[in-house]
Amino acid sequence: MGFTTMNVFETGLDMVGITLSCVIISYLIFNRIKYNQMILSKKHKNNLSTFNSKVAVKMIKQQTERSFDTIYDTINREQRKCKRLMEKEELKDARHLMMIMEKGHLVNEVINTNLMGEITADIAVDPYEEITRLANTGLDVQKISEKIGVPPGEVELYLKLNKNYTYN
């Protein structure tokens, strides 16, 4: 579960990066179009001879710097949010793992103390270990399949591949 959560967050971070890149590109294109419209507007069209390119370059440079500062702040804010979310998810995963470990410990306690009055050997943690154990007692594939709830083909395949048991 931890891998899946981390993969989701990595994918989310990639999506945030792609989205921010698209926003940056569209913002720069929009500013370029706005600048071209400003230059070619009727107000400035008549005064193109007095147009000062140094002033225009300075204005564009200032706008670009402000744009990048805004984008940088946005990226930092999003990274902090993602980091907090990842920390929350890691904490949640750790709690979930602890719950699973506690439940596993309780199951082992029940098996070891035999509180239910059943034979301890009949309770298997791994179904494949149970298949091997039942096959060694002499049960056939169909009975093992019915007892454990594993399809007969899977039981037969496991027994053929298992080195601890020789299947006829």
N, C-alpha and C. Protein backbone atom coordinates (compact mmCIF):
# COMPACT_ATOMS: atom_id res chain seq x y z
N MET A 1 0.82 -1.19 0.00
CA MET A 1 0.00 0.00 0.00
C MET A 1 0.86 1.25 0.00
N GLY A 2 2.02 1.17 0.66
CA GLY A 2 2.91 2.33 0.70
C GLY A 2 3.42 2.68 -0.67
N PHE A 3 3.75 1.65 -1.48
CA PHE A 3 4.22 1.94 -2.83
C PHE A 3 3.14 2.63 -3.64
N THR A 4 1.93 2.14 -3.53
CA THR A 4 0.83 2.71 -4.30
C THR A 4 0.60 4.15 -3.93
N THR A 5 0.59 4.44 -2.64
CA THR A 5 0.38 5.81 -2.19
C THR A 5 1.48 6.72 -2.69
N MET A 6 2.72 6.26 -2.57
CA MET A 6 3.84 7.09 -3.02
C MET A 6 3.78 7.29 -4.53
N ASN A 7 3.39 6.25 -5.28
CA ASN A 7 3.28 6.40 -6.72
C ASN A 7 2.20 7.41 -7.06
N VAL A 8 1.11 7.41 -6.32
CA VAL A 8 0.04 8.38 -6.56
C VAL A 8 0.54 9.78 -6.31
N PHE A 9 1.29 9.96 -5.22
CA PHE A 9 1.81 11.30 -4.92
C PHE A 9 2.86 11.73 -5.93
N GLU A 10 3.71 10.80 -6.38
CA GLU A 10 4.69 11.16 -7.40
C GLU A 10 3.99 11.55 -8.69
N THR A 11 2.95 10.81 -9.05
CA THR A 11 2.18 11.16 -10.23
C THR A 11 1.51 12.51 -10.04
N GLY A 12 0.99 12.75 -8.85
CA GLY A 12 0.37 14.05 -8.55
C GLY A 12 1.37 15.18 -8.66
N LEU A 13 2.58 14.97 -8.14
CA LEU A 13 3.61 16.00 -8.25
C LEU A 13 3.98 16.24 -9.71
N ASP A 14 4.07 15.17 -10.50
CA ASP A 14 4.35 15.33 -11.92
C ASP A 14 3.24 16.13 -12.60
N MET A 15 2.00 15.84 -12.24
CA MET A 15 0.87 16.56 -12.84
C MET A 15 0.91 18.03 -12.44
N VAL A 16 1.27 18.32 -11.20
CA VAL A 16 1.39 19.71 -10.75
C VAL A 16 2.47 20.41 -11.56
N GLY A 17 3.60 19.74 -11.77
CA GLY A 17 4.69 20.32 -12.56
C GLY A 17 4.28 20.59 -13.99
N ILE A 18 3.57 19.65 -14.60
CA ILE A 18 3.10 19.83 -15.98
C ILE A 18 2.11 20.98 -16.04
N THR A 19 1.18 21.02 -15.08
CA THR A 19 0.19 22.09 -15.05
C THR A 19 0.85 23.45 -14.90
N LEU A 20 1.81 23.55 -13.99
CA LEU A 20 2.50 24.83 -13.80
C LEU A 20 3.29 25.22 -15.04
N SER A 21 3.88 24.25 -15.72
CA SER A 21 4.60 24.56 -16.97
C SER A 21 3.64 25.10 -18.02
N CYS A 22 2.46 24.49 -18.12
CA CYS A 22 1.45 24.98 -19.08
C CYS A 22 1.01 26.39 -18.72
N VAL A 23 0.83 26.65 -17.43
CA VAL A 23 0.43 27.99 -16.98
C VAL A 23 1.51 29.00 -17.33
N ILE A 24 2.76 28.65 -17.11
CA ILE A 24 3.88 29.55 -17.42
C ILE A 24 3.91 29.86 -18.91
N ILE A 25 3.82 28.83 -19.73
CA ILE A 25 3.87 29.03 -21.18
C ILE A 25 2.71 29.88 -21.65
N SER A 26 1.50 29.57 -21.16
CA SER A 26 0.34 30.36 -21.59
C SER A 26 0.45 31.80 -21.10
N TYR A 27 1.00 32.01 -19.91
CA TYR A 27 1.18 33.36 -19.39
C TYR A 27 2.16 34.14 -20.25
N LEU A 28 3.27 33.50 -20.63
CA LEU A 28 4.25 34.18 -21.47
C LEU A 28 3.68 34.49 -22.86
N ILE A 29 2.92 33.56 -23.42
CA ILE A 29 2.29 33.80 -24.72
C ILE A 29 1.29 34.95 -24.61
N PHE A 30 0.49 34.94 -23.55
CA PHE A 30 -0.49 36.00 -23.36
C PHE A 30 0.20 37.36 -23.24
N ASN A 31 1.29 37.44 -22.47
CA ASN A 31 2.02 38.70 -22.34
C ASN A 31 2.62 39.14 -23.66
N ARG A 32 3.10 38.20 -24.46
CA ARG A 32 3.68 38.55 -25.77
C ARG A 32 2.59 39.11 -26.69
N ILE A 33 1.43 38.48 -26.69
CA ILE A 33 0.32 38.98 -27.51
C ILE A 33 -0.11 40.36 -27.03
N LYS A 34 -0.20 40.53 -25.74
CA LYS A 34 -0.58 41.82 -25.17
C LYS A 34 0.44 42.90 -25.55
N TYR A 35 1.71 42.54 -25.51
CA TYR A 35 2.76 43.48 -25.88
C TYR A 35 2.66 43.86 -27.36
N ASN A 36 2.43 42.87 -28.22
CA ASN A 36 2.28 43.16 -29.65
C ASN A 36 1.07 44.04 -29.91
N GLN A 37 -0.01 43.79 -29.21
CA GLN A 37 -1.20 44.63 -29.38
C GLN A 37 -0.94 46.05 -28.91
N MET A 38 -0.19 46.18 -27.84
CA MET A 38 0.14 47.51 -27.33
C MET A 38 0.98 48.28 -28.36
N ILE A 39 1.93 47.62 -28.97
CA ILE A 39 2.79 48.27 -29.95
C ILE A 39 2.00 48.69 -31.18
N LEU A 40 1.11 47.81 -31.60
CA LEU A 40 0.39 48.08 -32.84
C LEU A 40 -0.94 48.81 -32.63
N SER A 41 -1.23 49.21 -31.43
CA SER A 41 -2.49 49.92 -31.20
C SER A 41 -2.47 51.27 -31.92
N LYS A 42 -3.65 51.80 -32.15
CA LYS A 42 -3.77 53.07 -32.89
C LYS A 42 -3.04 54.19 -32.17
N LYS A 43 -3.06 54.12 -30.87
CA LYS A 43 -2.43 55.17 -30.09
C LYS A 43 -0.93 55.23 -30.38
N HIS A 44 -0.30 54.06 -30.48
CA HIS A 44 1.13 54.02 -30.70
C HIS A 44 1.49 53.89 -32.17
N LYS A 45 0.53 53.56 -33.01
CA LYS A 45 0.80 53.36 -34.43
C LYS A 45 1.30 54.65 -35.07
N ASN A 46 0.70 55.75 -34.69
CA ASN A 46 1.10 57.03 -35.26
C ASN A 46 2.46 57.48 -34.73
N ASN A 47 2.83 56.99 -33.57
CA ASN A 47 4.07 57.44 -32.94
C ASN A 47 5.17 56.39 -33.01
N LEU A 48 5.15 55.51 -34.02
CA LEU A 48 6.17 54.48 -34.11
C LEU A 48 7.56 55.06 -34.32
N SER A 49 7.61 56.23 -34.88
CA SER A 49 8.92 56.84 -35.11
C SER A 49 9.56 57.26 -33.78
N THR A 50 8.73 57.55 -32.78
CA THR A 50 9.27 57.95 -31.48
C THR A 50 9.35 56.79 -30.49
N PHE A 51 9.07 55.59 -30.98
CA PHE A 51 9.08 54.40 -30.12
C PHE A 51 10.49 54.13 -29.63
N ASN A 52 10.62 53.96 -28.31
CA ASN A 52 11.92 53.70 -27.70
C ASN A 52 12.00 52.22 -27.33
N SER A 53 12.82 51.49 -28.04
CA SER A 53 12.91 50.04 -27.82
C SER A 53 13.53 49.71 -26.46
N LYS A 54 14.41 50.56 -25.96
CA LYS A 54 15.03 50.30 -24.66
C LYS A 54 14.00 50.32 -23.54
N VAL A 55 13.05 51.26 -23.63
CA VAL A 55 11.99 51.33 -22.62
C VAL A 55 11.11 50.08 -22.70
N ALA A 56 10.78 49.65 -23.93
CA ALA A 56 9.95 48.47 -24.12
C ALA A 56 10.65 47.22 -23.58
N VAL A 57 11.93 47.09 -23.86
CA VAL A 57 12.69 45.94 -23.37
C VAL A 57 12.73 45.94 -21.85
N LYS A 58 12.91 47.12 -21.26
CA LYS A 58 12.94 47.23 -19.80
C LYS A 58 11.60 46.83 -19.20
N MET A 59 10.49 47.28 -19.83
CA MET A 59 9.15 46.92 -19.35
C MET A 59 8.93 45.41 -19.43
N ILE A 60 9.32 44.84 -20.56
CA ILE A 60 9.14 43.39 -20.75
C ILE A 60 9.96 42.62 -19.72
N LYS A 61 11.17 43.08 -19.49
CA LYS A 61 12.05 42.42 -18.51
C LYS A 61 11.44 42.48 -17.11
N GLN A 62 10.88 43.63 -16.74
CA GLN A 62 10.25 43.76 -15.42
C GLN A 62 9.03 42.85 -15.30
N GLN A 63 8.20 42.83 -16.37
CA GLN A 63 7.02 41.97 -16.34
C GLN A 63 7.42 40.49 -16.24
N THR A 64 8.44 40.13 -16.98
CA THR A 64 8.90 38.74 -16.96
C THR A 64 9.43 38.36 -15.58
N GLU A 65 10.20 39.25 -14.97
CA GLU A 65 10.73 38.98 -13.63
C GLU A 65 9.60 38.84 -12.62
N ARG A 66 8.60 39.72 -12.70
CA ARG A 66 7.45 39.60 -11.79
C ARG A 66 6.70 38.29 -12.03
N SER A 67 6.56 37.93 -13.31
CA SER A 67 5.86 36.68 -13.63
C SER A 67 6.60 35.48 -13.05
N PHE A 68 7.91 35.45 -13.24
CA PHE A 68 8.68 34.33 -12.71
C PHE A 68 8.69 34.32 -11.18
N ASP A 69 8.70 35.48 -10.55
CA ASP A 69 8.61 35.52 -9.09
C ASP A 69 7.28 34.94 -8.61
N THR A 70 6.21 35.31 -9.29
CA THR A 70 4.88 34.79 -8.95
C THR A 70 4.83 33.28 -9.15
N ILE A 71 5.37 32.83 -10.27
CA ILE A 71 5.37 31.39 -10.56
C ILE A 71 6.23 30.65 -9.54
N TYR A 72 7.37 31.20 -9.19
CA TYR A 72 8.26 30.58 -8.20
C TYR A 72 7.56 30.46 -6.85
N ASP A 73 6.87 31.52 -6.44
CA ASP A 73 6.12 31.47 -5.18
C ASP A 73 5.03 30.41 -5.23
N THR A 74 4.34 30.32 -6.36
CA THR A 74 3.28 29.32 -6.52
C THR A 74 3.85 27.91 -6.44
N ILE A 75 4.97 27.69 -7.11
CA ILE A 75 5.59 26.36 -7.08
C ILE A 75 6.01 26.00 -5.65
N ASN A 76 6.62 26.94 -4.94
CA ASN A 76 7.04 26.68 -3.55
C ASN A 76 5.84 26.36 -2.66
N ARG A 77 4.75 27.11 -2.84
CA ARG A 77 3.55 26.87 -2.05
C ARG A 77 3.00 25.47 -2.33
N GLU A 78 2.95 25.09 -3.61
CA GLU A 78 2.44 23.76 -3.98
C GLU A 78 3.35 22.65 -3.46
N GLN A 79 4.66 22.88 -3.50
CA GLN A 79 5.58 21.87 -2.98
C GLN A 79 5.39 21.68 -1.48
N ARG A 80 5.18 22.77 -0.76
CA ARG A 80 4.94 22.64 0.69
C ARG A 80 3.65 21.88 0.95
N LYS A 81 2.60 22.19 0.16
CA LYS A 81 1.33 21.46 0.33
C LYS A 81 1.52 19.98 0.06
N CYS A 82 2.21 19.66 -1.04
CA CYS A 82 2.43 18.26 -1.39
C CYS A 82 3.26 17.55 -0.33
N LYS A 83 4.26 18.24 0.21
CA LYS A 83 5.09 17.64 1.26
C LYS A 83 4.26 17.33 2.49
N ARG A 84 3.37 18.28 2.88
CA ARG A 84 2.51 18.02 4.04
C ARG A 84 1.58 16.85 3.77
N LEU A 85 1.02 16.79 2.55
CA LEU A 85 0.13 15.67 2.22
C LEU A 85 0.88 14.35 2.24
N MET A 86 2.10 14.35 1.72
CA MET A 86 2.88 13.11 1.72
C MET A 86 3.20 12.67 3.14
N GLU A 87 3.53 13.63 4.01
CA GLU A 87 3.81 13.28 5.41
C GLU A 87 2.57 12.71 6.08
N LYS A 88 1.39 13.30 5.78
CA LYS A 88 0.15 12.78 6.36
C LYS A 88 -0.10 11.35 5.87
N GLU A 89 0.11 11.11 4.57
CA GLU A 89 -0.12 9.78 4.02
C GLU A 89 0.88 8.77 4.59
N GLU A 90 2.14 9.19 4.75
CA GLU A 90 3.12 8.28 5.34
C GLU A 90 2.72 7.93 6.78
N LEU A 91 2.23 8.91 7.52
CA LEU A 91 1.79 8.66 8.89
C LEU A 91 0.60 7.71 8.89
N LYS A 92 -0.34 7.95 7.96
CA LYS A 92 -1.51 7.08 7.86
C LYS A 92 -1.09 5.65 7.49
N ASP A 93 -0.13 5.53 6.55
CA ASP A 93 0.36 4.20 6.17
C ASP A 93 1.04 3.51 7.35
N ALA A 94 1.81 4.28 8.12
CA ALA A 94 2.49 3.70 9.29
C ALA A 94 1.46 3.22 10.31
N ARG A 95 0.42 4.02 10.53
CA ARG A 95 -0.63 3.60 11.47
C ARG A 95 -1.32 2.34 10.98
N HIS A 96 -1.60 2.30 9.67
CA HIS A 96 -2.26 1.14 9.08
C HIS A 96 -1.37 -0.10 9.24
N LEU A 97 -0.08 0.06 9.00
CA LEU A 97 0.85 -1.05 9.16
C LEU A 97 0.90 -1.52 10.61
N MET A 98 0.87 -0.58 11.54
CA MET A 98 0.86 -0.96 12.96
C MET A 98 -0.40 -1.74 13.30
N MET A 99 -1.55 -1.31 12.75
CA MET A 99 -2.80 -2.03 13.00
C MET A 99 -2.71 -3.45 12.45
N ILE A 100 -2.15 -3.59 11.25
CA ILE A 100 -2.00 -4.92 10.66
C ILE A 100 -1.08 -5.78 11.52
N MET A 101 0.02 -5.18 11.97
CA MET A 101 0.95 -5.94 12.81
C MET A 101 0.29 -6.35 14.12
N GLU A 102 -0.51 -5.45 14.71
CA GLU A 102 -1.20 -5.79 15.95
C GLU A 102 -2.20 -6.92 15.72
N LYS A 103 -2.93 -6.84 14.59
CA LYS A 103 -3.89 -7.90 14.29
C LYS A 103 -3.17 -9.22 14.07
N GLY A 104 -2.05 -9.17 13.35
CA GLY A 104 -1.26 -10.39 13.13
C GLY A 104 -0.76 -10.95 14.45
N HIS A 105 -0.35 -10.07 15.35
CA HIS A 105 0.11 -10.51 16.67
C HIS A 105 -1.03 -11.17 17.44
N LEU A 106 -2.24 -10.59 17.34
CA LEU A 106 -3.39 -11.18 18.02
C LEU A 106 -3.73 -12.55 17.44
N VAL A 107 -3.67 -12.68 16.11
CA VAL A 107 -3.95 -13.97 15.48
C VAL A 107 -2.93 -15.00 15.95
N ASN A 108 -1.66 -14.61 15.99
CA ASN A 108 -0.63 -15.54 16.46
C ASN A 108 -0.85 -15.92 17.92
N GLU A 109 -1.30 -14.97 18.74
CA GLU A 109 -1.58 -15.29 20.14
C GLU A 109 -2.69 -16.31 20.25
N VAL A 110 -3.76 -16.13 19.45
CA VAL A 110 -4.89 -17.07 19.47
C VAL A 110 -4.42 -18.45 19.03
N ILE A 111 -3.60 -18.49 17.99
CA ILE A 111 -3.10 -19.79 17.51
C ILE A 111 -2.22 -20.43 18.57
N ASN A 112 -1.32 -19.65 19.16
CA ASN A 112 -0.37 -20.21 20.12
C ASN A 112 -1.05 -20.65 21.42
N THR A 113 -2.01 -19.89 21.90
CA THR A 113 -2.65 -20.25 23.17
C THR A 113 -3.82 -21.19 22.97
N ASN A 114 -4.22 -21.40 21.71
CA ASN A 114 -5.28 -22.34 21.38
C ASN A 114 -6.56 -22.01 22.14
N LEU A 115 -6.97 -20.72 22.13
CA LEU A 115 -8.15 -20.28 22.87
C LEU A 115 -9.44 -20.85 22.30
N MET A 116 -9.44 -21.16 21.01
CA MET A 116 -10.68 -21.60 20.38
C MET A 116 -10.90 -23.10 20.55
N GLY A 117 -9.95 -23.79 21.12
CA GLY A 117 -10.12 -25.22 21.35
C GLY A 117 -9.91 -26.06 20.12
N GLU A 118 -9.41 -25.49 19.05
CA GLU A 118 -9.17 -26.24 17.82
C GLU A 118 -7.72 -26.71 17.81
N ILE A 119 -7.45 -27.64 16.96
CA ILE A 119 -6.08 -28.11 16.82
C ILE A 119 -5.28 -27.02 16.12
N THR A 120 -4.15 -26.67 16.69
CA THR A 120 -3.33 -25.57 16.17
C THR A 120 -2.88 -25.85 14.74
N ALA A 121 -2.62 -27.07 14.41
CA ALA A 121 -2.11 -27.40 13.08
C ALA A 121 -3.14 -27.15 11.99
N ASP A 122 -4.44 -27.15 12.33
CA ASP A 122 -5.47 -26.92 11.32
C ASP A 122 -5.56 -25.46 10.89
N ILE A 123 -4.98 -24.56 11.66
CA ILE A 123 -5.03 -23.14 11.31
C ILE A 123 -3.71 -22.80 10.64
N ALA A 124 -3.76 -22.53 9.35
CA ALA A 124 -2.53 -22.20 8.62
C ALA A 124 -2.57 -20.75 8.19
N VAL A 125 -1.44 -20.08 8.31
CA VAL A 125 -1.36 -18.68 7.90
C VAL A 125 -1.26 -18.61 6.38
N ASP A 126 -0.48 -19.48 5.77
CA ASP A 126 -0.26 -19.48 4.33
C ASP A 126 -1.02 -20.65 3.72
N PRO A 127 -1.91 -20.41 2.74
CA PRO A 127 -2.68 -21.52 2.17
C PRO A 127 -1.79 -22.55 1.48
N TYR A 128 -0.63 -22.14 0.97
CA TYR A 128 0.25 -23.09 0.30
C TYR A 128 0.93 -24.02 1.30
N GLU A 129 1.22 -23.50 2.48
CA GLU A 129 1.75 -24.39 3.53
C GLU A 129 0.68 -25.40 3.92
N GLU A 130 -0.55 -24.93 3.97
CA GLU A 130 -1.67 -25.82 4.32
C GLU A 130 -1.85 -26.88 3.24
N ILE A 131 -1.69 -26.51 1.96
CA ILE A 131 -1.80 -27.48 0.87
C ILE A 131 -0.76 -28.58 1.06
N THR A 132 0.48 -28.18 1.32
CA THR A 132 1.55 -29.16 1.52
C THR A 132 1.26 -30.06 2.71
N ARG A 133 0.81 -29.47 3.80
CA ARG A 133 0.53 -30.24 5.00
C ARG A 133 -0.59 -31.26 4.75
N LEU A 134 -1.68 -30.80 4.10
CA LEU A 134 -2.80 -31.71 3.84
C LEU A 134 -2.42 -32.80 2.84
N ALA A 135 -1.60 -32.44 1.85
CA ALA A 135 -1.17 -33.44 0.87
C ALA A 135 -0.29 -34.49 1.54
N ASN A 136 0.51 -34.07 2.48
CA ASN A 136 1.36 -35.03 3.20
C ASN A 136 0.55 -35.95 4.11
N THR A 137 -0.66 -35.52 4.49
CA THR A 137 -1.52 -36.40 5.29
C THR A 137 -2.26 -37.41 4.42
N GLY A 138 -2.19 -37.24 3.09
CA GLY A 138 -2.78 -38.23 2.20
C GLY A 138 -4.06 -37.79 1.51
N LEU A 139 -4.50 -36.55 1.70
CA LEU A 139 -5.72 -36.09 1.03
C LEU A 139 -5.45 -35.87 -0.45
N ASP A 140 -6.50 -36.09 -1.27
CA ASP A 140 -6.33 -35.85 -2.71
C ASP A 140 -6.60 -34.38 -3.04
N VAL A 141 -6.35 -34.00 -4.29
CA VAL A 141 -6.42 -32.61 -4.74
C VAL A 141 -7.81 -32.03 -4.52
N GLN A 142 -8.86 -32.78 -4.83
CA GLN A 142 -10.22 -32.28 -4.72
C GLN A 142 -10.58 -31.97 -3.26
N LYS A 143 -10.22 -32.84 -2.35
CA LYS A 143 -10.53 -32.62 -0.93
C LYS A 143 -9.74 -31.45 -0.37
N ILE A 144 -8.48 -31.33 -0.80
CA ILE A 144 -7.66 -30.18 -0.36
C ILE A 144 -8.28 -28.89 -0.86
N SER A 145 -8.72 -28.91 -2.12
CA SER A 145 -9.33 -27.72 -2.72
C SER A 145 -10.59 -27.31 -1.97
N GLU A 146 -11.42 -28.28 -1.63
CA GLU A 146 -12.66 -27.98 -0.91
C GLU A 146 -12.37 -27.47 0.50
N LYS A 147 -11.39 -28.05 1.16
CA LYS A 147 -11.09 -27.69 2.54
C LYS A 147 -10.49 -26.28 2.65
N ILE A 148 -9.62 -25.92 1.70
CA ILE A 148 -8.93 -24.63 1.78
C ILE A 148 -9.66 -23.54 1.02
N GLY A 149 -10.36 -23.91 -0.03
CA GLY A 149 -11.05 -22.90 -0.84
C GLY A 149 -10.19 -22.39 -1.99
N VAL A 150 -9.20 -23.17 -2.38
CA VAL A 150 -8.33 -22.83 -3.51
C VAL A 150 -8.76 -23.70 -4.68
N PRO A 151 -8.79 -23.17 -5.91
CA PRO A 151 -9.20 -23.98 -7.06
C PRO A 151 -8.33 -25.24 -7.21
N PRO A 152 -8.94 -26.35 -7.66
CA PRO A 152 -8.21 -27.61 -7.77
C PRO A 152 -6.98 -27.52 -8.69
N GLY A 153 -7.11 -26.77 -9.78
CA GLY A 153 -5.97 -26.62 -10.70
C GLY A 153 -4.78 -25.96 -10.03
N GLU A 154 -5.06 -24.98 -9.18
CA GLU A 154 -3.98 -24.29 -8.47
C GLU A 154 -3.33 -25.23 -7.45
N VAL A 155 -4.16 -26.02 -6.77
CA VAL A 155 -3.62 -26.99 -5.80
C VAL A 155 -2.72 -27.99 -6.53
N GLU A 156 -3.21 -28.50 -7.66
CA GLU A 156 -2.44 -29.49 -8.42
C GLU A 156 -1.12 -28.89 -8.93
N LEU A 157 -1.18 -27.67 -9.45
CA LEU A 157 0.02 -27.01 -9.94
C LEU A 157 1.02 -26.79 -8.80
N TYR A 158 0.52 -26.35 -7.66
CA TYR A 158 1.41 -26.12 -6.52
C TYR A 158 2.09 -27.42 -6.09
N LEU A 159 1.31 -28.49 -6.06
CA LEU A 159 1.88 -29.77 -5.63
C LEU A 159 2.91 -30.28 -6.64
N LYS A 160 2.68 -30.03 -7.92
CA LYS A 160 3.66 -30.45 -8.93
C LYS A 160 4.95 -29.66 -8.82
N LEU A 161 4.83 -28.38 -8.48
CA LEU A 161 6.01 -27.52 -8.41
C LEU A 161 6.70 -27.57 -7.05
N ASN A 162 6.00 -28.06 -6.05
CA ASN A 162 6.55 -28.08 -4.70
C ASN A 162 7.61 -29.18 -4.58
N LYS A 163 8.76 -28.83 -4.05
CA LYS A 163 9.85 -29.79 -3.91
C LYS A 163 9.72 -30.64 -2.64
N ASN A 164 8.89 -30.19 -1.70
CA ASN A 164 8.73 -30.92 -0.44
C ASN A 164 7.72 -32.06 -0.55
N TYR A 165 7.05 -32.16 -1.69
CA TYR A 165 6.01 -33.17 -1.83
C TYR A 165 6.14 -33.77 -3.22
N THR A 166 6.04 -35.06 -3.34
CA THR A 166 6.08 -35.70 -4.66
C THR A 166 4.65 -36.04 -5.04
N TYR A 167 4.19 -35.41 -6.13
CA TYR A 167 2.81 -35.61 -6.58
C TYR A 167 2.78 -36.74 -7.58
N ASN A 168 1.77 -37.64 -7.44
CA ASN A 168 1.64 -38.78 -8.35
C ASN A 168 0.99 -38.38 -9.64
